[in-house]
Amino acid sequence: MIEIRNETAESAEIYLSGSIVDDKTGGLIDEWYENSTGYQWPDKIRKQLEGLKGKDLTIYINSDGGSVPAGVAMANMIARHEGHTTAVVEGWCCSIATQVFFSADTRRIPANAYLMIHKPAVYGTGGNADDLRKAAVVLDTIQQGMEEIYRKAALDHVTADDIREMVNAETWLTGTQAASLFDVEELEPMQMAACIGSMKHMKQVPADLRLDHQIRSATDGGSAKGDGDKDRCCEIAAKDYKARAEIALALAKGAMI
């Protein structure tokens, strides 16, 4: 979900909540689901930013990450914005969402919020041995680009090897830890919850961020316009869609879980 709030002549707040998907997937979500809350994609934020040129932005992030090209595109849009940008983590900022966070001029994170950095991955890759080796080379190149952004934001005592080690290990950082490694301002702890996302691809998720019980307790499915068209949404997990949407919306509105 991307929502603009508290807009004035000089400034505005943008809330980025949910998983990052590419424009094609986002377009299908918009077309076939009545509620696109819980997902964000480049074209969505591009349209929002067009009306905010020259204004200072505060970007509140609560995302589990998602598509690498989509996340990089969004990060570059924030970096190019005409006006000062401040990124604030609300619950967690994981994977490619960290690129959006570090693209802002000023970065802030509460002591009890989280950043997570890890190696990029590809799923569903097929082909022969040469194809798989090429995929590995592409992933290594993507990782180099991600690490470059982290190095630029790192404090002087953090080396390139330190960054590489953290990425390779899938590293979770509290706000306090992030502020000791990167040019990030630590904020006072706040009561919050992380938005539900693709945790199955994360290996080291802190126990207090797992919200599996909320998925199980929610009713199944999103609201599709046609039962036969659900498969068109590029493998969207319909079972947890409603739970993800409700939790992301509640966080964006300041509700506590």
Protein backbone atom coordinates (compact mmCIF):
# COMPACT_ATOMS: atom_id res chain seq x y z
CA MET A 1 0.00 0.00 0.00
CA ILE A 2 1.20 3.51 -0.80
CA GLU A 3 -0.65 6.32 0.94
CA ILE A 4 0.01 10.07 1.08
CA ARG A 5 -0.92 11.85 4.30
CA ASN A 6 -0.45 15.25 5.94
CA GLU A 7 0.41 17.00 2.68
CA THR A 8 1.14 20.73 2.85
CA ALA A 9 2.59 23.21 0.41
CA GLU A 10 6.11 22.29 1.59
CA SER A 11 5.97 18.66 2.71
CA ALA A 12 4.13 15.35 2.71
CA GLU A 13 4.22 11.91 4.31
CA ILE A 14 4.24 8.69 2.28
CA TYR A 15 3.48 5.29 3.80
CA LEU A 16 4.98 2.24 2.06
CA SER A 17 3.50 -0.92 3.57
CA GLY A 18 3.62 -4.47 2.29
CA SER A 19 5.48 -6.57 -0.23
CA ILE A 20 7.21 -5.03 -3.24
CA VAL A 21 6.08 -6.46 -6.58
CA ASP A 22 6.76 -5.56 -10.20
CA ASP A 23 4.42 -3.39 -12.26
CA LYS A 24 2.91 -6.35 -14.11
CA THR A 25 1.94 -8.11 -10.91
CA GLY A 26 0.76 -4.84 -9.38
CA GLY A 27 -1.43 -4.17 -12.39
CA LEU A 28 -3.05 -7.58 -12.07
CA ILE A 29 -3.66 -7.03 -8.37
CA ASP A 30 -5.31 -3.69 -9.14
CA GLU A 31 -7.43 -5.21 -11.89
CA TRP A 32 -8.58 -8.43 -10.25
CA TYR A 33 -8.69 -7.61 -6.55
CA GLU A 34 -10.93 -5.03 -4.93
CA ASN A 35 -8.24 -4.07 -2.40
CA SER A 36 -4.55 -3.72 -3.30
CA THR A 37 -3.52 -2.98 0.30
CA GLY A 38 -0.44 -4.97 1.28
CA TYR A 39 1.46 -4.58 -2.00
CA GLN A 40 3.48 -1.79 -3.57
CA TRP A 41 5.04 -1.40 -7.00
CA PRO A 42 7.07 1.20 -8.94
CA ASP A 43 4.28 2.67 -11.07
CA LYS A 44 2.23 3.22 -7.93
CA ILE A 45 4.87 5.33 -6.20
CA ARG A 46 5.87 7.06 -9.47
CA LYS A 47 2.35 8.45 -9.81
CA GLN A 48 2.39 9.62 -6.20
CA LEU A 49 5.77 11.32 -6.50
CA GLU A 50 4.77 13.21 -9.65
CA GLY A 51 2.42 15.34 -7.59
CA LEU A 52 4.95 15.95 -4.82
CA LYS A 53 7.87 17.46 -6.76
CA GLY A 54 9.82 19.99 -4.73
CA LYS A 55 8.26 18.94 -1.43
CA ASP A 56 10.14 17.46 1.50
CA LEU A 57 9.03 13.87 2.05
CA THR A 58 8.92 11.63 5.10
CA ILE A 59 8.65 8.02 3.93
CA TYR A 60 7.40 5.51 6.50
CA ILE A 61 8.40 1.95 5.60
CA ASN A 62 7.03 -1.37 6.84
CA SER A 63 7.94 -3.98 4.24
CA ASP A 64 9.29 -7.51 3.96
CA GLY A 65 10.88 -6.71 0.60
CA GLY A 66 10.11 -8.54 -2.63
CA SER A 67 11.07 -7.95 -6.27
CA VAL A 68 14.66 -6.72 -6.68
CA PRO A 69 14.14 -4.73 -9.92
CA ALA A 70 10.98 -3.14 -8.52
CA GLY A 71 12.68 -2.22 -5.25
CA VAL A 72 15.71 -0.75 -7.02
CA ALA A 73 13.41 1.30 -9.27
CA MET A 74 11.55 2.66 -6.25
CA ALA A 75 14.83 3.47 -4.49
CA ASN A 76 16.06 5.41 -7.51
CA MET A 77 12.81 7.38 -7.63
CA ILE A 78 13.28 8.40 -4.00
CA ALA A 79 16.94 9.29 -4.64
CA ARG A 80 15.97 11.51 -7.59
CA HIS A 81 13.14 13.29 -5.77
CA GLU A 82 13.35 17.08 -5.83
CA GLY A 83 13.17 17.80 -2.13
CA HIS A 84 14.67 16.47 1.10
CA THR A 85 13.71 12.87 1.85
CA THR A 86 13.56 11.20 5.27
CA ALA A 87 12.92 7.45 5.58
CA VAL A 88 11.54 6.04 8.84
CA VAL A 89 11.18 2.33 9.58
CA GLU A 90 7.92 1.60 11.37
CA GLY A 91 8.06 -2.16 11.98
CA TRP A 92 10.61 -3.79 9.75
CA CYS A 93 12.48 -3.03 6.56
CA CYS A 94 13.76 -6.19 4.92
CA SER A 95 15.62 -7.35 1.85
CA ILE A 96 15.17 -5.03 -1.17
CA ALA A 97 13.09 -2.60 0.94
CA THR A 98 16.37 -1.61 2.62
CA GLN A 99 17.48 -0.14 -0.70
CA VAL A 100 14.48 2.21 -0.55
CA PHE A 101 15.36 3.09 3.05
CA PHE A 102 18.99 3.89 2.28
CA SER A 103 18.08 5.94 -0.80
CA ALA A 104 16.65 8.69 1.43
CA ASP A 105 18.74 11.68 2.49
CA THR A 106 18.01 11.05 6.19
CA ARG A 107 17.25 7.63 7.73
CA ARG A 108 15.60 6.96 11.07
CA ILE A 109 14.66 3.77 12.87
CA PRO A 110 13.20 3.08 16.34
CA ALA A 111 15.38 1.05 18.67
CA ASN A 112 12.97 -1.89 18.53
CA ALA A 113 12.37 -1.89 14.75
CA TYR A 114 14.36 -4.06 12.35
CA LEU A 115 16.50 -3.92 9.24
CA MET A 116 17.33 -7.18 7.46
CA ILE A 117 19.90 -7.59 4.71
CA HIS A 118 20.61 -10.82 2.86
CA LYS A 119 21.69 -12.36 -0.43
CA PRO A 120 19.35 -11.92 -3.38
CA ALA A 121 17.62 -15.09 -4.54
CA VAL A 122 15.74 -16.37 -7.55
CA TYR A 123 12.93 -18.92 -7.45
CA GLY A 124 11.60 -21.16 -10.18
CA THR A 125 14.81 -21.05 -12.24
CA GLY A 126 15.15 -23.86 -14.76
CA GLY A 127 17.42 -24.93 -17.56
CA ASN A 128 20.71 -26.71 -17.99
CA ALA A 129 23.92 -26.32 -16.00
CA ASP A 130 25.03 -23.35 -18.08
CA ASP A 131 21.71 -21.58 -17.46
CA LEU A 132 22.02 -22.12 -13.70
CA ARG A 133 25.61 -20.85 -13.67
CA LYS A 134 24.48 -17.72 -15.53
CA ALA A 135 21.73 -17.19 -12.97
CA ALA A 136 24.33 -17.41 -10.19
CA VAL A 137 26.50 -14.80 -11.93
CA VAL A 138 23.50 -12.47 -12.23
CA LEU A 139 22.72 -12.90 -8.54
CA ASP A 140 26.32 -12.14 -7.61
CA THR A 141 26.18 -8.96 -9.71
CA ILE A 142 22.92 -7.90 -8.05
CA GLN A 143 24.47 -8.51 -4.64
CA GLN A 144 27.43 -6.29 -5.53
CA GLY A 145 25.06 -3.46 -6.39
CA MET A 146 23.14 -3.87 -3.14
CA GLU A 147 26.34 -3.97 -1.10
CA GLU A 148 27.52 -0.74 -2.74
CA ILE A 149 24.47 1.07 -1.35
CA TYR A 150 25.11 -0.37 2.11
CA ARG A 151 28.80 0.63 1.96
CA LYS A 152 27.90 4.22 1.08
CA ALA A 153 25.63 4.41 4.10
CA ALA A 154 28.04 2.63 6.48
CA LEU A 155 30.01 4.37 9.20
CA ASP A 156 33.77 4.69 8.81
CA HIS A 157 34.64 1.64 10.93
CA VAL A 158 32.50 -0.72 8.82
CA THR A 159 34.48 -2.31 5.98
CA ALA A 160 33.37 -3.78 2.67
CA ASP A 161 34.19 -7.22 4.08
CA ASP A 162 31.91 -6.52 7.05
CA ILE A 163 29.07 -5.65 4.68
CA ARG A 164 29.67 -8.78 2.58
CA GLU A 165 29.66 -10.96 5.70
CA MET A 166 26.38 -9.48 6.94
CA VAL A 167 24.70 -9.92 3.57
CA ASN A 168 25.90 -13.51 3.20
CA ALA A 169 24.70 -14.43 6.69
CA GLU A 170 21.20 -12.84 6.45
CA THR A 171 21.66 -10.28 9.20
CA TRP A 172 18.84 -8.84 11.30
CA LEU A 173 19.60 -5.52 12.99
CA THR A 174 17.59 -3.72 15.63
CA GLY A 175 17.43 0.04 15.37
CA THR A 176 20.17 0.29 17.97
CA GLN A 177 22.43 -2.08 16.07
CA ALA A 178 21.70 -0.38 12.73
CA ALA A 179 22.66 3.01 14.18
CA SER A 180 26.02 1.57 15.31
CA LEU A 181 26.86 0.45 11.77
CA PHE A 182 25.18 2.91 9.39
CA ASP A 183 24.43 6.60 9.07
CA VAL A 184 21.04 6.10 10.72
CA GLU A 185 19.35 8.04 13.52
CA GLU A 186 18.01 5.86 16.31
CA LEU A 187 14.55 6.77 17.61
CA GLU A 188 12.85 5.89 20.88
CA PRO A 189 11.19 2.43 20.90
CA MET A 190 7.59 2.30 19.74
CA GLN A 191 4.94 -0.38 20.02
CA MET A 192 4.49 -1.89 16.57
CA ALA A 193 4.20 -5.05 14.57
CA ALA A 194 5.78 -6.14 11.34
CA CYS A 195 3.69 -6.54 8.23
CA ILE A 196 3.10 -10.13 7.17
CA GLY A 197 5.12 -11.16 4.18
CA SER A 198 7.11 -13.96 2.58
CA MET A 199 8.79 -15.19 5.74
CA LYS A 200 9.32 -18.65 4.26
CA HIS A 201 12.29 -17.26 2.30
CA MET A 202 13.90 -15.80 5.44
CA LYS A 203 16.03 -18.06 7.59
CA GLN A 204 16.78 -16.00 10.69
CA VAL A 205 13.50 -14.21 11.49
CA PRO A 206 13.46 -13.06 15.14
CA ALA A 207 10.78 -14.86 17.14
CA ASP A 208 8.89 -11.69 18.06
CA LEU A 209 8.32 -10.89 14.38
CA ARG A 210 6.56 -14.12 13.47
CA LEU A 211 2.85 -13.50 13.03
CA ASP A 212 1.83 -16.97 11.83
CA HIS A 213 -1.01 -17.09 14.36
CA GLN A 214 -2.59 -14.06 12.72
CA ILE A 215 -2.48 -15.76 9.34
CA ARG A 216 -4.10 -18.90 10.70
CA SER A 217 -6.86 -17.00 12.48
CA ALA A 218 -7.83 -14.90 9.46
CA THR A 219 -10.47 -16.00 6.99
CA ASP A 220 -9.18 -17.34 3.70
CA GLY A 221 -8.59 -15.42 0.54
CA GLY A 222 -8.76 -11.95 -0.88
CA SER A 223 -11.77 -10.59 -2.71
CA ALA A 224 -11.32 -11.58 -6.34
CA LYS A 225 -13.51 -10.40 -9.15
CA GLY A 226 -13.71 -13.90 -10.63
CA ASP A 227 -12.94 -17.29 -9.07
CA GLY A 228 -11.45 -18.53 -12.33
CA ASP A 229 -9.05 -15.61 -12.56
CA LYS A 230 -7.20 -15.91 -9.25
CA ASP A 231 -4.26 -17.70 -10.87
CA ARG A 232 -3.63 -14.63 -13.02
CA CYS A 233 -2.16 -12.75 -10.07
CA CYS A 234 1.29 -14.28 -10.47
CA GLU A 235 1.22 -16.76 -7.59
CA ILE A 236 -0.20 -14.35 -5.03
CA ALA A 237 -0.86 -16.32 -1.84
CA ALA A 238 -4.60 -15.95 -1.62
CA LYS A 239 -4.76 -17.77 1.71
CA ASP A 240 -2.88 -15.08 3.63
CA TYR A 241 -3.90 -12.11 1.48
CA LYS A 242 -6.69 -10.88 3.75
CA ALA A 243 -4.54 -11.17 6.88
CA ARG A 244 -1.68 -9.33 5.21
CA ALA A 245 -3.95 -6.56 3.99
CA GLU A 246 -5.72 -6.07 7.32
CA ILE A 247 -2.48 -5.94 9.32
CA ALA A 248 -0.74 -3.57 6.88
CA LEU A 249 -3.77 -1.26 6.85
CA ALA A 250 -3.97 -1.23 10.63
CA LEU A 251 -0.28 -0.36 10.90
CA ALA A 252 -0.60 2.44 8.39
CA LYS A 253 -3.45 3.93 10.37
CA GLY A 254 -1.53 3.70 13.64
CA ALA A 255 -3.38 0.76 15.15
CA MET A 256 -1.56 -1.52 17.58
CA ILE A 257 -1.55 -5.29 17.21
